Amino acid sequence: AAAQAPDSAVRGLERLDFREVIRSATEKVFPA
């Protein structure tokens, strides 16, 4: 995805940590 994206988007994708995405979603729902 980073290779196909424009330069501005690449910088965001390089910082993407899928573990953080999952952890953030889990923390929102798991307590309920």
PDB file of all heavy atoms in Angstrom:
ATOM      1  N   ALA A   1       0.830  -1.198   0.000  1.00  0.00           N
ATOM      2  CA  ALA A   1       0.000   0.000   0.000  1.00  0.00           C
ATOM      3  C   ALA A   1       0.870   1.255   0.000  1.00  0.00           C
ATOM      4  O   ALA A   1       0.564   2.242  -0.674  1.00  0.00           O
ATOM      5  CB  ALA A   1      -0.924  -0.007   1.207  1.00  0.00           C
ATOM      6  N   ALA A   2       1.949   1.219   0.753  1.00  0.00           N
ATOM      7  CA  ALA A   2       2.846   2.369   0.811  1.00  0.00           C
ATOM      8  C   ALA A   2       3.493   2.620  -0.543  1.00  0.00           C
ATOM      9  O   ALA A   2       3.682   3.757  -0.968  1.00  0.00           O
ATOM     10  CB  ALA A   2       3.917   2.143   1.879  1.00  0.00           C
ATOM     11  N   ALA A   3       3.826   1.527  -1.258  1.00  0.00           N
ATOM     12  CA  ALA A   3       4.465   1.674  -2.564  1.00  0.00           C
ATOM     13  C   ALA A   3       3.521   2.284  -3.591  1.00  0.00           C
ATOM     14  O   ALA A   3       3.952   2.965  -4.522  1.00  0.00           O
ATOM     15  CB  ALA A   3       4.950   0.309  -3.057  1.00  0.00           C
ATOM     16  N   GLN A   4       2.212   2.036  -3.448  1.00  0.00           N
ATOM     17  CA  GLN A   4       1.234   2.529  -4.401  1.00  0.00           C
ATOM     18  C   GLN A   4       0.689   3.911  -4.034  1.00  0.00           C
ATOM     19  O   GLN A   4       0.072   4.562  -4.860  1.00  0.00           O
ATOM     20  CB  GLN A   4       0.055   1.543  -4.481  1.00  0.00           C
ATOM     21  CG  GLN A   4       0.456   0.127  -4.870  1.00  0.00           C
ATOM     22  CD  GLN A   4       1.084   0.051  -6.245  1.00  0.00           C
ATOM     23  OE1 GLN A   4       0.580   0.683  -7.165  1.00  0.00           O
ATOM     24  NE2 GLN A   4       2.174  -0.676  -6.384  1.00  0.00           N
ATOM     25  N   ALA A   5       0.903   4.345  -2.796  1.00  0.00           N
ATOM     26  CA  ALA A   5       0.287   5.578  -2.326  1.00  0.00           C
ATOM     27  C   ALA A   5       1.146   6.791  -2.654  1.00  0.00           C
ATOM     28  O   ALA A   5       2.352   6.676  -2.853  1.00  0.00           O
ATOM     29  CB  ALA A   5       0.087   5.504  -0.811  1.00  0.00           C
ATOM     30  N   PRO A   6       0.533   7.981  -2.729  1.00  0.00           N
ATOM     31  CA  PRO A   6       1.313   9.215  -2.905  1.00  0.00           C
ATOM     32  C   PRO A   6       2.181   9.479  -1.681  1.00  0.00           C
ATOM     33  O   PRO A   6       1.968   8.911  -0.619  1.00  0.00           O
ATOM     34  CB  PRO A   6       0.235  10.298  -3.076  1.00  0.00           C
ATOM     35  CG  PRO A   6      -1.010   9.712  -2.488  1.00  0.00           C
ATOM     36  CD  PRO A   6      -0.917   8.239  -2.710  1.00  0.00           C
ATOM     37  N   ASP A   7       3.162  10.387  -1.849  1.00  0.00           N
ATOM     38  CA  ASP A   7       4.149  10.633  -0.786  1.00  0.00           C
ATOM     39  C   ASP A   7       3.499  11.021   0.534  1.00  0.00           C
ATOM     40  O   ASP A   7       3.926  10.567   1.598  1.00  0.00           O
ATOM     41  CB  ASP A   7       5.122  11.744  -1.218  1.00  0.00           C
ATOM     42  CG  ASP A   7       6.027  11.274  -2.353  1.00  0.00           C
ATOM     43  OD1 ASP A   7       6.121  10.039  -2.532  1.00  0.00           O
ATOM     44  OD2 ASP A   7       6.603  12.116  -3.045  1.00  0.00           O
ATOM     45  N   SER A   8       2.464  11.868   0.497  1.00  0.00           N
ATOM     46  CA  SER A   8       1.835  12.305   1.742  1.00  0.00           C
ATOM     47  C   SER A   8       1.203  11.141   2.479  1.00  0.00           C
ATOM     48  O   SER A   8       1.204  11.086   3.710  1.00  0.00           O
ATOM     49  CB  SER A   8       0.768  13.366   1.448  1.00  0.00           C
ATOM     50  OG  SER A   8      -0.218  12.835   0.577  1.00  0.00           O
ATOM     51  N   ALA A   9       0.623  10.184   1.726  1.00  0.00           N
ATOM     52  CA  ALA A   9      -0.005   9.026   2.372  1.00  0.00           C
ATOM     53  C   ALA A   9       1.041   8.044   2.865  1.00  0.00           C
ATOM     54  O   ALA A   9       0.831   7.351   3.854  1.00  0.00           O
ATOM     55  CB  ALA A   9      -0.959   8.344   1.395  1.00  0.00           C
ATOM     56  N   VAL A  10       2.176   7.951   2.164  1.00  0.00           N
ATOM     57  CA  VAL A  10       3.220   6.998   2.554  1.00  0.00           C
ATOM     58  C   VAL A  10       3.698   7.268   3.964  1.00  0.00           C
ATOM     59  O   VAL A  10       3.904   6.345   4.757  1.00  0.00           O
ATOM     60  CB  VAL A  10       4.406   7.062   1.567  1.00  0.00           C
ATOM     61  CG1 VAL A  10       5.605   6.302   2.116  1.00  0.00           C
ATOM     62  CG2 VAL A  10       3.998   6.490   0.222  1.00  0.00           C
ATOM     63  N   ARG A  11       3.852   8.564   4.297  1.00  0.00           N
ATOM     64  CA  ARG A  11       4.350   8.885   5.630  1.00  0.00           C
ATOM     65  C   ARG A  11       3.403   8.351   6.701  1.00  0.00           C
ATOM     66  O   ARG A  11       3.831   7.871   7.747  1.00  0.00           O
ATOM     67  CB  ARG A  11       4.534  10.400   5.760  1.00  0.00           C
ATOM     68  CG  ARG A  11       5.719  10.929   4.952  1.00  0.00           C
ATOM     69  CD  ARG A  11       6.016  12.372   5.309  1.00  0.00           C
ATOM     70  NE  ARG A  11       4.940  13.260   4.882  1.00  0.00           N
ATOM     71  CZ  ARG A  11       4.899  13.819   3.671  1.00  0.00           C
ATOM     72  NH1 ARG A  11       5.826  13.549   2.775  1.00  0.00           N
ATOM     73  NH2 ARG A  11       3.904  14.631   3.360  1.00  0.00           N
ATOM     74  N   GLY A  12       2.063   8.414   6.446  1.00  0.00           N
ATOM     75  CA  GLY A  12       1.106   7.880   7.408  1.00  0.00           C
ATOM     76  C   GLY A  12       1.159   6.371   7.482  1.00  0.00           C
ATOM     77  O   GLY A  12       1.095   5.781   8.556  1.00  0.00           O
ATOM     78  N   LEU A  13       1.306   5.712   6.317  1.00  0.00           N
ATOM     79  CA  LEU A  13       1.336   4.254   6.297  1.00  0.00           C
ATOM     80  C   LEU A  13       2.579   3.713   6.978  1.00  0.00           C
ATOM     81  O   LEU A  13       2.547   2.654   7.604  1.00  0.00           O
ATOM     82  CB  LEU A  13       1.262   3.753   4.849  1.00  0.00           C
ATOM     83  CG  LEU A  13      -0.129   3.860   4.193  1.00  0.00           C
ATOM     84  CD1 LEU A  13      -0.024   3.607   2.706  1.00  0.00           C
ATOM     85  CD2 LEU A  13      -1.091   2.875   4.829  1.00  0.00           C
ATOM     86  N   GLU A  14       3.693   4.442   6.833  1.00  0.00           N
ATOM     87  CA  GLU A  14       4.921   3.982   7.475  1.00  0.00           C
ATOM     88  C   GLU A  14       4.782   3.976   8.985  1.00  0.00           C
ATOM     89  O   GLU A  14       5.429   3.196   9.667  1.00  0.00           O
ATOM     90  CB  GLU A  14       6.080   4.898   7.047  1.00  0.00           C
ATOM     91  CG  GLU A  14       6.508   4.662   5.596  1.00  0.00           C
ATOM     92  CD  GLU A  14       7.556   5.658   5.168  1.00  0.00           C
ATOM     93  OE1 GLU A  14       7.699   6.692   5.869  1.00  0.00           O
ATOM     94  OE2 GLU A  14       8.211   5.447   4.152  1.00  0.00           O
ATOM     95  N   ARG A  15       3.939   4.863   9.520  1.00  0.00           N
ATOM     96  CA  ARG A  15       3.742   4.917  10.964  1.00  0.00           C
ATOM     97  C   ARG A  15       2.680   3.945  11.445  1.00  0.00           C
ATOM     98  O   ARG A  15       2.491   3.785  12.644  1.00  0.00           O
ATOM     99  CB  ARG A  15       3.355   6.344  11.386  1.00  0.00           C
ATOM    100  CG  ARG A  15       4.468   7.359  11.177  1.00  0.00           C
ATOM    101  CD  ARG A  15       4.142   8.649  11.908  1.00  0.00           C
ATOM    102  NE  ARG A  15       2.922   9.247  11.404  1.00  0.00           N
ATOM    103  CZ  ARG A  15       2.897  10.148  10.415  1.00  0.00           C
ATOM    104  NH1 ARG A  15       4.020  10.516   9.824  1.00  0.00           N
ATOM    105  NH2 ARG A  15       1.743  10.675  10.021  1.00  0.00           N
ATOM    106  N   LEU A  16       1.950   3.317  10.489  1.00  0.00           N
ATOM    107  CA  LEU A  16       0.866   2.434  10.859  1.00  0.00           C
ATOM    108  C   LEU A  16       1.388   1.175  11.542  1.00  0.00           C
ATOM    109  O   LEU A  16       2.254   0.491  11.025  1.00  0.00           O
ATOM    110  CB  LEU A  16       0.055   2.032   9.612  1.00  0.00           C
ATOM    111  CG  LEU A  16      -1.055   1.007   9.837  1.00  0.00           C
ATOM    112  CD1 LEU A  16      -2.139   1.591  10.734  1.00  0.00           C
ATOM    113  CD2 LEU A  16      -1.656   0.569   8.504  1.00  0.00           C
ATOM    114  N   ASP A  17       0.890   0.900  12.721  1.00  0.00           N
ATOM    115  CA  ASP A  17       1.190  -0.337  13.444  1.00  0.00           C
ATOM    116  C   ASP A  17      -0.136  -1.048  13.647  1.00  0.00           C
ATOM    117  O   ASP A  17      -0.982  -0.597  14.429  1.00  0.00           O
ATOM    118  CB  ASP A  17       1.861  -0.025  14.789  1.00  0.00           C
ATOM    119  CG  ASP A  17       2.319  -1.295  15.500  1.00  0.00           C
ATOM    120  OD1 ASP A  17       1.779  -2.379  15.193  1.00  0.00           O
ATOM    121  OD2 ASP A  17       3.213  -1.198  16.362  1.00  0.00           O
ATOM    122  N   PHE A  18      -0.328  -2.145  12.932  1.00  0.00           N
ATOM    123  CA  PHE A  18      -1.616  -2.826  12.986  1.00  0.00           C
ATOM    124  C   PHE A  18      -1.930  -3.304  14.398  1.00  0.00           C
ATOM    125  O   PHE A  18      -3.092  -3.365  14.789  1.00  0.00           O
ATOM    126  CB  PHE A  18      -1.634  -4.006  12.015  1.00  0.00           C
ATOM    127  CG  PHE A  18      -3.005  -4.570  11.787  1.00  0.00           C
ATOM    128  CD1 PHE A  18      -3.917  -3.906  10.984  1.00  0.00           C
ATOM    129  CD2 PHE A  18      -3.393  -5.738  12.399  1.00  0.00           C
ATOM    130  CE1 PHE A  18      -5.184  -4.410  10.784  1.00  0.00           C
ATOM    131  CE2 PHE A  18      -4.672  -6.247  12.213  1.00  0.00           C
ATOM    132  CZ  PHE A  18      -5.565  -5.576  11.389  1.00  0.00           C
ATOM    133  N   ARG A  19      -0.914  -3.622  15.157  1.00  0.00           N
ATOM    134  CA  ARG A  19      -1.150  -4.038  16.542  1.00  0.00           C
ATOM    135  C   ARG A  19      -1.796  -2.928  17.348  1.00  0.00           C
ATOM    136  O   ARG A  19      -2.649  -3.180  18.199  1.00  0.00           O
ATOM    137  CB  ARG A  19       0.168  -4.471  17.188  1.00  0.00           C
ATOM    138  CG  ARG A  19       0.772  -5.743  16.604  1.00  0.00           C
ATOM    139  CD  ARG A  19       2.167  -5.956  17.107  1.00  0.00           C
ATOM    140  NE  ARG A  19       3.045  -4.857  16.715  1.00  0.00           N
ATOM    141  CZ  ARG A  19       4.349  -4.795  16.992  1.00  0.00           C
ATOM    142  NH1 ARG A  19       4.915  -5.760  17.685  1.00  0.00           N
ATOM    143  NH2 ARG A  19       5.075  -3.770  16.590  1.00  0.00           N
ATOM    144  N   GLU A  20      -1.419  -1.692  17.074  1.00  0.00           N
ATOM    145  CA  GLU A  20      -2.023  -0.566  17.772  1.00  0.00           C
ATOM    146  C   GLU A  20      -3.480  -0.378  17.366  1.00  0.00           C
ATOM    147  O   GLU A  20      -4.333  -0.023  18.195  1.00  0.00           O
ATOM    148  CB  GLU A  20      -1.233   0.726  17.484  1.00  0.00           C
ATOM    149  CG  GLU A  20       0.132   0.782  18.161  1.00  0.00           C
ATOM    150  CD  GLU A  20       0.007   0.758  19.673  1.00  0.00           C
ATOM    151  OE1 GLU A  20      -0.991   1.277  20.201  1.00  0.00           O
ATOM    152  OE2 GLU A  20       0.902   0.199  20.320  1.00  0.00           O
ATOM    153  N   VAL A  21      -3.780  -0.605  16.088  1.00  0.00           N
ATOM    154  CA  VAL A  21      -5.168  -0.504  15.618  1.00  0.00           C
ATOM    155  C   VAL A  21      -6.036  -1.513  16.355  1.00  0.00           C
ATOM    156  O   VAL A  21      -7.115  -1.184  16.860  1.00  0.00           O
ATOM    157  CB  VAL A  21      -5.240  -0.740  14.093  1.00  0.00           C
ATOM    158  CG1 VAL A  21      -6.696  -0.772  13.627  1.00  0.00           C
ATOM    159  CG2 VAL A  21      -4.471   0.338  13.346  1.00  0.00           C
ATOM    160  N   ILE A  22      -5.557  -2.758  16.426  1.00  0.00           N
ATOM    161  CA  ILE A  22      -6.314  -3.818  17.103  1.00  0.00           C
ATOM    162  C   ILE A  22      -6.424  -3.527  18.597  1.00  0.00           C
ATOM    163  O   ILE A  22      -7.485  -3.698  19.199  1.00  0.00           O
ATOM    164  CB  ILE A  22      -5.643  -5.179  16.876  1.00  0.00           C
ATOM    165  CG1 ILE A  22      -5.660  -5.531  15.382  1.00  0.00           C
ATOM    166  CG2 ILE A  22      -6.330  -6.268  17.684  1.00  0.00           C
ATOM    167  CD1 ILE A  22      -7.035  -5.583  14.781  1.00  0.00           C
ATOM    168  N   ARG A  23      -5.325  -3.081  19.199  1.00  0.00           N
ATOM    169  CA  ARG A  23      -5.330  -2.807  20.632  1.00  0.00           C
ATOM    170  C   ARG A  23      -6.308  -1.680  20.961  1.00  0.00           C
ATOM    171  O   ARG A  23      -7.052  -1.755  21.943  1.00  0.00           O
ATOM    172  CB  ARG A  23      -3.923  -2.433  21.098  1.00  0.00           C
ATOM    173  CG  ARG A  23      -3.789  -2.303  22.619  1.00  0.00           C
ATOM    174  CD  ARG A  23      -2.361  -2.020  23.020  1.00  0.00           C
ATOM    175  NE  ARG A  23      -1.493  -3.130  22.672  1.00  0.00           N
ATOM    176  CZ  ARG A  23      -0.448  -3.035  21.841  1.00  0.00           C
ATOM    177  NH1 ARG A  23      -0.152  -1.863  21.281  1.00  0.00           N
ATOM    178  NH2 ARG A  23       0.287  -4.092  21.574  1.00  0.00           N
ATOM    179  N   SER A  24      -6.333  -0.635  20.120  1.00  0.00           N
ATOM    180  CA  SER A  24      -7.236   0.490  20.358  1.00  0.00           C
ATOM    181  C   SER A  24      -8.696   0.053  20.259  1.00  0.00           C
ATOM    182  O   SER A  24      -9.520   0.413  21.107  1.00  0.00           O
ATOM    183  CB  SER A  24      -6.959   1.597  19.339  1.00  0.00           C
ATOM    184  OG  SER A  24      -7.903   2.634  19.450  1.00  0.00           O
ATOM    185  N   ALA A  25      -9.019  -0.751  19.245  1.00  0.00           N
ATOM    186  CA  ALA A  25     -10.390  -1.232  19.078  1.00  0.00           C
ATOM    187  C   ALA A  25     -10.787  -2.140  20.236  1.00  0.00           C
ATOM    188  O   ALA A  25     -11.913  -2.077  20.742  1.00  0.00           O
ATOM    189  CB  ALA A  25     -10.532  -1.966  17.748  1.00  0.00           C
ATOM    190  N   THR A  26      -9.866  -2.990  20.666  1.00  0.00           N
ATOM    191  CA  THR A  26     -10.145  -3.909  21.772  1.00  0.00           C
ATOM    192  C   THR A  26     -10.414  -3.141  23.063  1.00  0.00           C
ATOM    193  O   THR A  26     -11.345  -3.467  23.809  1.00  0.00           O
ATOM    194  CB  THR A  26      -8.961  -4.870  21.975  1.00  0.00           C
ATOM    195  OG1 THR A  26      -8.740  -5.603  20.761  1.00  0.00           O
ATOM    196  CG2 THR A  26      -9.244  -5.849  23.102  1.00  0.00           C
ATOM    197  N   GLU A  27      -9.608  -2.116  23.326  1.00  0.00           N
ATOM    198  CA  GLU A  27      -9.773  -1.351  24.563  1.00  0.00           C
ATOM    199  C   GLU A  27     -11.108  -0.619  24.605  1.00  0.00           C
ATOM    200  O   GLU A  27     -11.638  -0.349  25.684  1.00  0.00           O
ATOM    201  CB  GLU A  27      -8.619  -0.357  24.704  1.00  0.00           C
ATOM    202  CG  GLU A  27      -7.283  -1.032  25.028  1.00  0.00           C
ATOM    203  CD  GLU A  27      -6.121  -0.059  25.022  1.00  0.00           C
ATOM    204  OE1 GLU A  27      -6.326   1.105  24.578  1.00  0.00           O
ATOM    205  OE2 GLU A  27      -5.009  -0.447  25.422  1.00  0.00           O
ATOM    206  N   LYS A  28     -11.691  -0.298  23.446  1.00  0.00           N
ATOM    207  CA  LYS A  28     -12.976   0.394  23.414  1.00  0.00           C
ATOM    208  C   LYS A  28     -14.133  -0.536  23.772  1.00  0.00           C
ATOM    209  O   LYS A  28     -15.104  -0.116  24.395  1.00  0.00           O
ATOM    210  CB  LYS A  28     -13.214   0.987  22.024  1.00  0.00           C
ATOM    211  CG  LYS A  28     -12.313   2.167  21.678  1.00  0.00           C
ATOM    212  CD  LYS A  28     -12.612   2.666  20.265  1.00  0.00           C
ATOM    213  CE  LYS A  28     -11.690   3.815  19.890  1.00  0.00           C
ATOM    214  NZ  LYS A  28     -11.929   4.276  18.494  1.00  0.00           N
ATOM    215  N   VAL A  29     -14.037  -1.812  23.371  1.00  0.00           N
ATOM    216  CA  VAL A  29     -15.177  -2.719  23.508  1.00  0.00           C
ATOM    217  C   VAL A  29     -14.995  -3.734  24.622  1.00  0.00           C
ATOM    218  O   VAL A  29     -15.958  -4.110  25.297  1.00  0.00           O
ATOM    219  CB  VAL A  29     -15.449  -3.443  22.170  1.00  0.00           C
ATOM    220  CG1 VAL A  29     -16.605  -4.430  22.289  1.00  0.00           C
ATOM    221  CG2 VAL A  29     -15.723  -2.437  21.067  1.00  0.00           C
ATOM    222  N   PHE A  30     -13.762  -4.195  24.852  1.00  0.00           N
ATOM    223  CA  PHE A  30     -13.514  -5.294  25.791  1.00  0.00           C
ATOM    224  C   PHE A  30     -14.119  -5.053  27.177  1.00  0.00           C
ATOM    225  O   PHE A  30     -14.668  -5.980  27.779  1.00  0.00           O
ATOM    226  CB  PHE A  30     -12.010  -5.541  25.888  1.00  0.00           C
ATOM    227  CG  PHE A  30     -11.665  -7.000  25.995  1.00  0.00           C
ATOM    228  CD1 PHE A  30     -12.289  -7.943  25.203  1.00  0.00           C
ATOM    229  CD2 PHE A  30     -10.693  -7.438  26.886  1.00  0.00           C
ATOM    230  CE1 PHE A  30     -11.967  -9.284  25.279  1.00  0.00           C
ATOM    231  CE2 PHE A  30     -10.364  -8.771  26.981  1.00  0.00           C
ATOM    232  CZ  PHE A  30     -11.005  -9.703  26.172  1.00  0.00           C
ATOM    233  N   PRO A  31     -14.039  -3.831  27.724  1.00  0.00           N
ATOM    234  CA  PRO A  31     -14.633  -3.613  29.055  1.00  0.00           C
ATOM    235  C   PRO A  31     -16.152  -3.838  29.093  1.00  0.00           C
ATOM    236  O   PRO A  31     -16.711  -4.072  30.166  1.00  0.00           O
ATOM    237  CB  PRO A  31     -14.288  -2.147  29.362  1.00  0.00           C
ATOM    238  CG  PRO A  31     -13.080  -1.863  28.534  1.00  0.00           C
ATOM    239  CD  PRO A  31     -13.281  -2.635  27.274  1.00  0.00           C
ATOM    240  N   ALA A  32     -16.821  -3.756  27.929  1.00  0.00           N
ATOM    241  CA  ALA A  32     -18.271  -3.927  27.887  1.00  0.00           C
ATOM    242  C   ALA A  32     -18.686  -5.378  27.632  1.00  0.00           C
ATOM    243  O   ALA A  32     -19.881  -5.684  27.657  1.00  0.00           O
ATOM    244  CB  ALA A  32     -18.869  -3.030  26.802  1.00  0.00           C
TER     245      ALA A  32
END
